[in-house]
PDB file of N, CA and C in Angstrom:
ATOM      1  N   MET A   1      22.577 -27.987  62.348  1.00  0.00           N
ATOM      2  CA  MET A   1      21.941 -27.029  62.407  1.00  0.00           C
ATOM      3  C   MET A   1      20.876 -26.428  61.359  1.00  0.00           C
ATOM      4  N   ILE A   2      20.332 -25.607  62.137  1.00  0.00           N
ATOM      5  CA  ILE A   2      18.293 -25.503  61.234  1.00  0.00           C
ATOM      6  C   ILE A   2      18.761 -23.968  60.279  1.00  0.00           C
ATOM      7  N   ARG A   3      18.363 -23.931  59.479  1.00  0.00           N
ATOM      8  CA  ARG A   3      18.177 -22.795  58.611  1.00  0.00           C
ATOM      9  C   ARG A   3      17.772 -21.778  59.592  1.00  0.00           C
ATOM     10  N   ASN A   4      18.806 -20.569  58.823  1.00  0.00           N
ATOM     11  CA  ASN A   4      18.860 -19.250  60.043  1.00  0.00           C
ATOM     12  C   ASN A   4      17.674 -18.789  59.417  1.00  0.00           C
ATOM     13  N   ASP A   5      16.414 -18.642  59.589  1.00  0.00           N
ATOM     14  CA  ASP A   5      14.916 -17.779  58.757  1.00  0.00           C
ATOM     15  C   ASP A   5      15.288 -16.408  58.802  1.00  0.00           C
ATOM     16  N   ALA A   6      16.064 -15.570  59.951  1.00  0.00           N
ATOM     17  CA  ALA A   6      16.116 -14.439  60.217  1.00  0.00           C
ATOM     18  C   ALA A   6      16.976 -14.063  59.082  1.00  0.00           C
ATOM     19  N   TRP A   7      18.212 -14.737  58.753  1.00  0.00           N
ATOM     20  CA  TRP A   7      18.642 -14.340  57.303  1.00  0.00           C
ATOM     21  C   TRP A   7      18.374 -14.210  56.144  1.00  0.00           C
ATOM     22  N   LEU A   8      17.270 -15.252  56.093  1.00  0.00           N
ATOM     23  CA  LEU A   8      16.717 -15.863  54.724  1.00  0.00           C
ATOM     24  C   LEU A   8      15.540 -14.617  54.732  1.00  0.00           C
ATOM     25  N   ALA A   9      14.940 -14.106  55.685  1.00  0.00           N
ATOM     26  CA  ALA A   9      13.753 -13.329  55.759  1.00  0.00           C
ATOM     27  C   ALA A   9      14.703 -12.016  55.480  1.00  0.00           C
ATOM     28  N   ASP A  10      15.526 -11.582  55.888  1.00  0.00           N
ATOM     29  CA  ASP A  10      16.464 -10.266  55.555  1.00  0.00           C
ATOM     30  C   ASP A  10      16.500 -10.239  54.200  1.00  0.00           C
ATOM     31  N   LEU A  11      17.062 -11.674  53.266  1.00  0.00           N
ATOM     32  CA  LEU A  11      17.434 -11.431  51.981  1.00  0.00           C
ATOM     33  C   LEU A  11      16.102 -11.015  51.348  1.00  0.00           C
ATOM     34  N   ARG A  12      14.711 -11.956  51.649  1.00  0.00           N
ATOM     35  CA  ARG A  12      13.642 -11.900  51.141  1.00  0.00           C
ATOM     36  C   ARG A  12      13.142 -10.287  51.085  1.00  0.00           C
ATOM     37  N   ALA A  13      13.062  -9.883  52.231  1.00  0.00           N
ATOM     38  CA  ALA A  13      12.787  -8.416  52.506  1.00  0.00           C
ATOM     39  C   ALA A  13      13.741  -7.364  51.162  1.00  0.00           C
ATOM     40  N   ARG A  14      14.669  -7.993  51.364  1.00  0.00           N
ATOM     41  CA  ARG A  14      16.091  -6.728  50.584  1.00  0.00           C
ATOM     42  C   ARG A  14      15.703  -6.824  48.746  1.00  0.00           C
ATOM     43  N   LEU A  15      15.065  -8.308  49.032  1.00  0.00           N
ATOM     44  CA  LEU A  15      14.440  -8.833  47.233  1.00  0.00           C
ATOM     45  C   LEU A  15      13.176  -7.718  46.824  1.00  0.00           C
ATOM     46  N   ASP A  16      12.389  -7.868  47.865  1.00  0.00           N
ATOM     47  CA  ASP A  16      11.236  -7.402  47.993  1.00  0.00           C
ATOM     48  C   ASP A  16      11.219  -5.904  47.533  1.00  0.00           C
ATOM     49  N   ASP A  17      12.226  -5.166  48.697  1.00  0.00           N
ATOM     50  CA  ASP A  17      12.143  -3.777  48.401  1.00  0.00           C
ATOM     51  C   ASP A  17      12.876  -3.399  47.055  1.00  0.00           C
ATOM     52  N   TRP A  18      13.672  -4.015  46.704  1.00  0.00           N
ATOM     53  CA  TRP A  18      14.282  -4.207  45.105  1.00  0.00           C
ATOM     54  C   TRP A  18      13.070  -4.169  43.888  1.00  0.00           C
ATOM     55  N   SER A  19      12.335  -4.856  44.189  1.00  0.00           N
ATOM     56  CA  SER A  19      11.403  -5.237  43.379  1.00  0.00           C
ATOM     57  C   SER A  19      10.717  -3.841  43.569  1.00  0.00           C
ATOM     58  N   GLY A  20      10.172  -3.585  44.652  1.00  0.00           N
ATOM     59  CA  GLY A  20       9.380  -2.185  44.588  1.00  0.00           C
ATOM     60  C   GLY A  20      10.138  -1.138  44.257  1.00  0.00           C
ATOM     61  N   ARG A  21      11.358  -0.812  44.369  1.00  0.00           N
ATOM     62  CA  ARG A  21      11.872   0.138  43.757  1.00  0.00           C
ATOM     63  C   ARG A  21      12.140   0.144  42.248  1.00  0.00           C
ATOM     64  N   ILE A  22      12.541  -1.136  41.581  1.00  0.00           N
ATOM     65  CA  ILE A  22      12.419  -1.220  40.066  1.00  0.00           C
ATOM     66  C   ILE A  22      10.937  -1.113  39.846  1.00  0.00           C
ATOM     67  N   GLU A  23       9.767  -1.158  40.252  1.00  0.00           N
ATOM     68  CA  GLU A  23       8.556  -0.399  39.733  1.00  0.00           C
ATOM     69  C   GLU A  23       8.528   0.307  39.704  1.00  0.00           C
ATOM     70  N   GLN A  24       9.005   1.394  40.677  1.00  0.00           N
ATOM     71  CA  GLN A  24       8.725   2.963  41.075  1.00  0.00           C
ATOM     72  C   GLN A  24       9.375   3.330  39.634  1.00  0.00           C
ATOM     73  N   LEU A  25      10.715   2.907  39.435  1.00  0.00           N
ATOM     74  CA  LEU A  25      11.554   3.668  38.657  1.00  0.00           C
ATOM     75  C   LEU A  25      10.780   3.102  36.934  1.00  0.00           C
ATOM     76  N   ASP A  26      10.112   2.104  36.977  1.00  0.00           N
ATOM     77  CA  ASP A  26       9.306   1.895  35.685  1.00  0.00           C
ATOM     78  C   ASP A  26       8.267   2.775  35.588  1.00  0.00           C
ATOM     79  N   GLN A  27       7.606   3.372  36.649  1.00  0.00           N
ATOM     80  CA  GLN A  27       6.320   4.079  36.816  1.00  0.00           C
ATOM     81  C   GLN A  27       6.885   5.198  36.460  1.00  0.00           C
ATOM     82  N   GLN A  28       8.054   6.056  36.760  1.00  0.00           N
ATOM     83  CA  GLN A  28       8.772   7.025  36.250  1.00  0.00           C
ATOM     84  C   GLN A  28       9.087   7.238  34.768  1.00  0.00           C
ATOM     85  N   ALA A  29       9.461   5.571  34.425  1.00  0.00           N
ATOM     86  CA  ALA A  29       9.794   5.891  32.748  1.00  0.00           C
ATOM     87  C   ALA A  29       8.482   5.919  32.089  1.00  0.00           C
ATOM     88  N   ARG A  30       7.436   5.436  32.518  1.00  0.00           N
ATOM     89  CA  ARG A  30       6.192   5.526  31.698  1.00  0.00           C
ATOM     90  C   ARG A  30       6.007   7.164  31.554  1.00  0.00           C
ATOM     91  N   HIS A  31       6.333   7.866  32.792  1.00  0.00           N
ATOM     92  CA  HIS A  31       5.511   9.463  32.829  1.00  0.00           C
ATOM     93  C   HIS A  31       6.808  10.443  32.104  1.00  0.00           C
ATOM     94  N   ALA A  32       7.865   9.557  31.674  1.00  0.00           N
ATOM     95  CA  ALA A  32       9.090  10.504  31.229  1.00  0.00           C
ATOM     96  C   ALA A  32       9.042  10.813  29.881  1.00  0.00           C
ATOM     97  N   ASP A  33       9.732  12.097  29.605  1.00  0.00           N
ATOM     98  CA  ASP A  33      10.024  12.635  28.190  1.00  0.00           C
ATOM     99  C   ASP A  33      10.614  11.303  27.521  1.00  0.00           C
ATOM    100  N   PRO A  34      10.344  11.181  25.823  1.00  0.00           N
ATOM    101  CA  PRO A  34      10.840  10.188  25.143  1.00  0.00           C
ATOM    102  C   PRO A  34      12.584   9.645  25.231  1.00  0.00           C
ATOM    103  N   ALA A  35      13.052  10.948  25.132  1.00  0.00           N
ATOM    104  CA  ALA A  35      14.572  10.454  25.599  1.00  0.00           C
ATOM    105  C   ALA A  35      14.993  10.221  27.232  1.00  0.00           C
ATOM    106  N   ARG A  36      14.138  10.387  28.103  1.00  0.00           N
ATOM    107  CA  ARG A  36      14.338   9.871  29.745  1.00  0.00           C
ATOM    108  C   ARG A  36      13.763   8.593  29.495  1.00  0.00           C
ATOM    109  N   ARG A  37      12.718   8.071  28.975  1.00  0.00           N
ATOM    110  CA  ARG A  37      12.068   7.046  28.643  1.00  0.00           C
ATOM    111  C   ARG A  37      13.208   6.045  28.515  1.00  0.00           C
ATOM    112  N   ALA A  38      13.570   6.454  27.409  1.00  0.00           N
ATOM    113  CA  ALA A  38      14.617   5.244  26.648  1.00  0.00           C
ATOM    114  C   ALA A  38      15.640   5.270  27.702  1.00  0.00           C
ATOM    115  N   ARG A  39      16.411   5.765  28.298  1.00  0.00           N
ATOM    116  CA  ARG A  39      17.436   5.869  29.189  1.00  0.00           C
ATOM    117  C   ARG A  39      17.141   4.941  30.563  1.00  0.00           C
ATOM    118  N   LEU A  40      15.497   5.255  30.425  1.00  0.00           N
ATOM    119  CA  LEU A  40      15.207   4.719  31.952  1.00  0.00           C
ATOM    120  C   LEU A  40      15.171   3.143  31.565  1.00  0.00           C
ATOM    121  N   GLU A  41      14.024   2.904  30.331  1.00  0.00           N
ATOM    122  CA  GLU A  41      14.185   1.493  30.172  1.00  0.00           C
ATOM    123  C   GLU A  41      15.137   0.786  29.996  1.00  0.00           C
ATOM    124  N   GLU A  42      16.512   1.285  29.376  1.00  0.00           N
ATOM    125  CA  GLU A  42      17.586   0.525  29.362  1.00  0.00           C
ATOM    126  C   GLU A  42      18.072   0.100  30.499  1.00  0.00           C
ATOM    127  N   GLN A  43      18.250   1.115  31.623  1.00  0.00           N
ATOM    128  CA  GLN A  43      18.570   0.749  33.001  1.00  0.00           C
ATOM    129  C   GLN A  43      17.737  -0.259  33.729  1.00  0.00           C
ATOM    130  N   LEU A  44      16.071  -0.206  33.123  1.00  0.00           N
ATOM    131  CA  LEU A  44      15.420  -1.359  33.610  1.00  0.00           C
ATOM    132  C   LEU A  44      15.662  -2.655  33.717  1.00  0.00           C
ATOM    133  N   VAL A  45      15.929  -2.756  32.332  1.00  0.00           N
ATOM    134  CA  VAL A  45      16.912  -3.734  31.934  1.00  0.00           C
ATOM    135  C   VAL A  45      17.504  -4.602  32.835  1.00  0.00           C
ATOM    136  N   ILE A  46      18.733  -4.012  32.993  1.00  0.00           N
ATOM    137  CA  ILE A  46      19.729  -3.963  33.940  1.00  0.00           C
ATOM    138  C   ILE A  46      19.382  -4.472  35.163  1.00  0.00           C
ATOM    139  N   LEU A  47      18.522  -3.820  35.907  1.00  0.00           N
ATOM    140  CA  LEU A  47      17.974  -4.040  37.153  1.00  0.00           C
ATOM    141  C   LEU A  47      16.935  -5.262  37.415  1.00  0.00           C
ATOM    142  N   ARG A  48      16.487  -5.311  35.900  1.00  0.00           N
ATOM    143  CA  ARG A  48      15.563  -6.608  36.321  1.00  0.00           C
ATOM    144  C   ARG A  48      16.577  -7.855  36.237  1.00  0.00           C
ATOM    145  N   ARG A  49      17.511  -7.824  35.375  1.00  0.00           N
ATOM    146  CA  ARG A  49      18.624  -8.822  35.274  1.00  0.00           C
ATOM    147  C   ARG A  49      19.445  -8.952  36.537  1.00  0.00           C
ATOM    148  N   LEU A  50      19.625  -7.972  36.927  1.00  0.00           N
ATOM    149  CA  LEU A  50      20.209  -8.340  38.647  1.00  0.00           C
ATOM    150  C   LEU A  50      19.771  -9.027  39.633  1.00  0.00           C
ATOM    151  N   ARG A  51      18.403  -8.306  39.522  1.00  0.00           N
ATOM    152  CA  ARG A  51      17.076  -9.101  40.375  1.00  0.00           C
ATOM    153  C   ARG A  51      17.073 -10.272  40.371  1.00  0.00           C
ATOM    154  N   GLU A  52      17.138 -10.826  38.828  1.00  0.00           N
ATOM    155  CA  GLU A  52      16.633 -12.034  38.943  1.00  0.00           C
ATOM    156  C   GLU A  52      17.914 -13.120  39.358  1.00  0.00           C
ATOM    157  N   ASP A  53      18.797 -12.512  38.849  1.00  0.00           N
ATOM    158  CA  ASP A  53      20.078 -13.460  39.026  1.00  0.00           C
ATOM    159  C   ASP A  53      19.701 -13.656  40.372  1.00  0.00           C
ATOM    160  N   THR A  54      19.935 -12.411  41.566  1.00  0.00           N
ATOM    161  CA  THR A  54      19.729 -13.003  42.849  1.00  0.00           C
ATOM    162  C   THR A  54      18.969 -13.265  43.241  1.00  0.00           C
ATOM    163  N   GLU A  55      18.022 -13.620  42.579  1.00  0.00           N
ATOM    164  CA  GLU A  55      16.714 -14.328  43.271  1.00  0.00           C
ATOM    165  C   GLU A  55      17.137 -15.633  43.326  1.00  0.00           C
ATOM    166  N   ASN A  56      17.758 -16.163  41.383  1.00  0.00           N
ATOM    167  CA  ASN A  56      18.017 -17.471  41.217  1.00  0.00           C
ATOM    168  C   ASN A  56      19.171 -17.969  42.348  1.00  0.00           C
ATOM    169  N   ARG A  57      20.376 -16.979  42.419  1.00  0.00           N
ATOM    170  CA  ARG A  57      20.974 -17.705  43.541  1.00  0.00           C
ATOM    171  C   ARG A  57      20.388 -17.686  45.029  1.00  0.00           C
ATOM    172  N   LEU A  58      19.357 -17.154  45.414  1.00  0.00           N
ATOM    173  CA  LEU A  58      19.029 -17.397  46.728  1.00  0.00           C
ATOM    174  C   LEU A  58      18.429 -18.941  46.582  1.00  0.00           C
ATOM    175  N   GLN A  59      17.586 -19.117  45.300  1.00  0.00           N
ATOM    176  CA  GLN A  59      16.896 -20.400  45.259  1.00  0.00           C
ATOM    177  C   GLN A  59      17.702 -21.664  45.331  1.00  0.00           C
ATOM    178  N   THR A  60      18.915 -21.275  44.463  1.00  0.00           N
ATOM    179  CA  THR A  60      20.055 -22.504  44.790  1.00  0.00           C
ATOM    180  C   THR A  60      20.142 -22.776  45.514  1.00  0.00           C
ATOM    181  N   LEU A  61      20.830 -21.505  46.373  1.00  0.00           N
ATOM    182  CA  LEU A  61      21.099 -21.656  48.373  1.00  0.00           C
ATOM    183  C   LEU A  61      20.092 -22.549  48.894  1.00  0.00           C
ATOM    184  N   LEU A  62      18.928 -22.400  48.462  1.00  0.00           N
ATOM    185  CA  LEU A  62      17.802 -22.949  49.161  1.00  0.00           C
ATOM    186  C   LEU A  62      17.815 -24.694  48.848  1.00  0.00           C
ATOM    187  N   ARG A  63      17.716 -24.702  47.376  1.00  0.00           N
ATOM    188  CA  ARG A  63      17.699 -25.946  47.284  1.00  0.00           C
ATOM    189  C   ARG A  63      18.959 -26.557  47.420  1.00  0.00           C
ATOM    190  N   ALA A  64      20.138 -26.193  47.421  1.00  0.00           N
ATOM    191  CA  ALA A  64      21.697 -27.082  48.036  1.00  0.00           C
ATOM    192  C   ALA A  64      21.790 -27.331  49.371  1.00  0.00           C
ATOM    193  N   THR A  65      21.316 -26.160  50.440  1.00  0.00           N
ATOM    194  CA  THR A  65      21.265 -26.638  51.647  1.00  0.00           C
ATOM    195  C   THR A  65      20.044 -26.417  52.422  1.00  0.00           C
ATOM    196  N   GLY A  66      19.412 -27.499  53.280  1.00  0.00           N
ATOM    197  CA  GLY A  66      18.642 -27.153  54.553  1.00  0.00           C
ATOM    198  C   GLY A  66      19.231 -26.303  56.105  1.00  0.00           C
ATOM    199  N   THR A  67      20.247 -25.933  55.674  1.00  0.00           N
ATOM    200  CA  THR A  67      21.035 -26.031  56.826  1.00  0.00           C
ATOM    201  C   THR A  67      21.359 -24.279  56.782  1.00  0.00           C
ATOM    202  N   GLU A  68      21.451 -23.683  58.280  1.00  0.00           N
ATOM    203  CA  GLU A  68      21.842 -22.381  58.291  1.00  0.00           C
ATOM    204  C   GLU A  68      23.456 -22.356  57.217  1.00  0.00           C
ATOM    205  N   PRO A  69      23.277 -21.278  56.622  1.00  0.00           N
ATOM    206  CA  PRO A  69      24.391 -21.055  55.936  1.00  0.00           C
ATOM    207  C   PRO A  69      25.813 -20.639  56.680  1.00  0.00           C
ATOM    208  N   PRO A  70      26.940 -21.309  55.924  1.00  0.00           N
ATOM    209  CA  PRO A  70      28.125 -20.983  57.100  1.00  0.00           C
ATOM    210  C   PRO A  70      28.586 -19.389  57.102  1.00  0.00           C
ATOM    211  N   PRO A  71      28.968 -18.673  58.005  1.00  0.00           N
ATOM    212  CA  PRO A  71      29.499 -17.589  58.302  1.00  0.00           C
ATOM    213  C   PRO A  71      29.909 -17.273  56.897  1.00  0.00           C
ATOM    214  N   VAL A  72      31.025 -17.884  56.335  1.00  0.00           N
ATOM    215  CA  VAL A  72      31.979 -17.630  54.931  1.00  0.00           C
ATOM    216  C   VAL A  72      30.853 -17.279  53.884  1.00  0.00           C
ATOM    217  N   LEU A  73      29.808 -18.133  53.397  1.00  0.00           N
ATOM    218  CA  LEU A  73      28.344 -17.676  52.693  1.00  0.00           C
ATOM    219  C   LEU A  73      27.865 -16.325  52.959  1.00  0.00           C
ATOM    220  N   ARG A  74      27.330 -16.299  54.090  1.00  0.00           N
ATOM    221  CA  ARG A  74      26.776 -15.322  54.652  1.00  0.00           C
ATOM    222  C   ARG A  74      28.026 -13.519  54.310  1.00  0.00           C
ATOM    223  N   ALA A  75      28.989 -13.679  54.559  1.00  0.00           N
ATOM    224  CA  ALA A  75      29.858 -12.979  54.162  1.00  0.00           C
ATOM    225  C   ALA A  75      29.893 -12.375  52.728  1.00  0.00           C
ATOM    226  N   ARG A  76      29.982 -13.552  52.062  1.00  0.00           N
ATOM    227  CA  ARG A  76      30.089 -13.551  50.143  1.00  0.00           C
ATOM    228  C   ARG A  76      28.917 -13.079  49.878  1.00  0.00           C
ATOM    229  N   SER A  77      27.765 -13.192  50.509  1.00  0.00           N
ATOM    230  CA  SER A  77      26.351 -13.190  50.044  1.00  0.00           C
ATOM    231  C   SER A  77      25.833 -11.304  50.284  1.00  0.00           C
ATOM    232  N   SER A  78      26.814 -10.965  51.323  1.00  0.00           N
ATOM    233  CA  SER A  78      26.363  -9.838  51.926  1.00  0.00           C
ATOM    234  C   SER A  78      27.182  -8.679  51.054  1.00  0.00           C
ATOM    235  N   GLY A  79      28.392  -9.229  50.713  1.00  0.00           N
ATOM    236  CA  GLY A  79      29.390  -8.653  49.659  1.00  0.00           C
ATOM    237  C   GLY A  79      28.660  -8.621  48.152  1.00  0.00           C
ATOM    238  N   ALA A  80      28.070  -9.476  47.801  1.00  0.00           N
ATOM    239  CA  ALA A  80      27.161  -9.466  46.505  1.00  0.00           C
ATOM    240  C   ALA A  80      26.095  -8.611  46.843  1.00  0.00           C
ATOM    241  N   TRP A  81      25.639  -8.798  47.809  1.00  0.00           N
ATOM    242  CA  TRP A  81      24.395  -7.948  47.626  1.00  0.00           C
ATOM    243  C   TRP A  81      24.391  -6.488  47.807  1.00  0.00           C
ATOM    244  N   GLN A  82      25.815  -5.965  48.418  1.00  0.00           N
ATOM    245  CA  GLN A  82      26.050  -4.663  48.414  1.00  0.00           C
ATOM    246  C   GLN A  82      26.669  -4.202  47.040  1.00  0.00           C
ATOM    247  N   ARG A  83      27.100  -5.161  46.495  1.00  0.00           N
ATOM    248  CA  ARG A  83      27.546  -4.528  45.028  1.00  0.00           C
ATOM    249  C   ARG A  83      26.222  -4.447  44.224  1.00  0.00           C
ATOM    250  N   ARG A  84      25.611  -5.245  44.237  1.00  0.00           N
ATOM    251  CA  ARG A  84      24.262  -5.249  43.547  1.00  0.00           C
ATOM    252  C   ARG A  84      23.495  -3.677  44.086  1.00  0.00           C
ATOM    253  N   HIS A  85      23.481  -3.680  45.202  1.00  0.00           N
ATOM    254  CA  HIS A  85      22.751  -2.090  45.750  1.00  0.00           C
ATOM    255  C   HIS A  85      23.416  -1.275  44.969  1.00  0.00           C
ATOM    256  N   GLN A  86      24.883  -1.076  45.117  1.00  0.00           N
ATOM    257  CA  GLN A  86      25.561   0.076  44.454  1.00  0.00           C
ATOM    258  C   GLN A  86      25.188   0.139  43.222  1.00  0.00           C
ATOM    259  N   ALA A  87      25.108  -1.012  42.497  1.00  0.00           N
ATOM    260  CA  ALA A  87      24.973  -0.862  41.015  1.00  0.00           C
ATOM    261  C   ALA A  87      23.454  -0.206  40.639  1.00  0.00           C
ATOM    262  N   PHE A  88      22.703  -1.035  41.633  1.00  0.00           N
ATOM    263  CA  PHE A  88      21.250  -0.130  41.467  1.00  0.00           C
ATOM    264  C   PHE A  88      21.262   1.417  42.120  1.00  0.00           C
ATOM    265  N   GLU A  89      21.719   1.609  42.607  1.00  0.00           N
ATOM    266  CA  GLU A  89      21.745   3.217  43.098  1.00  0.00           C
ATOM    267  C   GLU A  89      22.517   4.450  42.217  1.00  0.00           C
ATOM    268  N   ARG A  90      23.642   3.281  41.355  1.00  0.00           N
ATOM    269  CA  ARG A  90      24.069   4.104  40.075  1.00  0.00           C
ATOM    270  C   ARG A  90      22.998   4.200  39.030  1.00  0.00           C
ATOM    271  N   LEU A  91      22.481   2.783  38.852  1.00  0.00           N
ATOM    272  CA  LEU A  91      21.211   3.373  37.675  1.00  0.00           C
ATOM    273  C   LEU A  91      20.229   4.628  38.226  1.00  0.00           C
ATOM    274  N   HIS A  92      19.729   4.294  39.148  1.00  0.00           N
ATOM    275  CA  HIS A  92      19.016   4.806  39.695  1.00  0.00           C
ATOM    276  C   HIS A  92      19.077   6.389  40.066  1.00  0.00           C
ATOM    277  N   GLY A  93      20.071   6.493  40.739  1.00  0.00           N
ATOM    278  CA  GLY A  93      20.309   7.721  41.052  1.00  0.00           C
ATOM    279  C   GLY A  93      20.468   8.711  39.783  1.00  0.00           C
TER     280      GLY A  93
END
């Protein structure tokens, strides 16, 4: 089997989108009043950790296999992505 480039491109696009949204939140924090800034900065720490963890997991997957991820791995990664996205939305919202 060969690596599923579309699947990997989708994950990369999601991570890039997440990075952009974190940057937007960072900009909001820079212009917020001190109380809101402190709250946003706490959220940014959490979001950056989640994003970094997700990136690390993707890199581990790429190092571990040069083949297309099996369906069970796709399902797990999709579920993990959804949980991270929901956490982002709760913190960002």
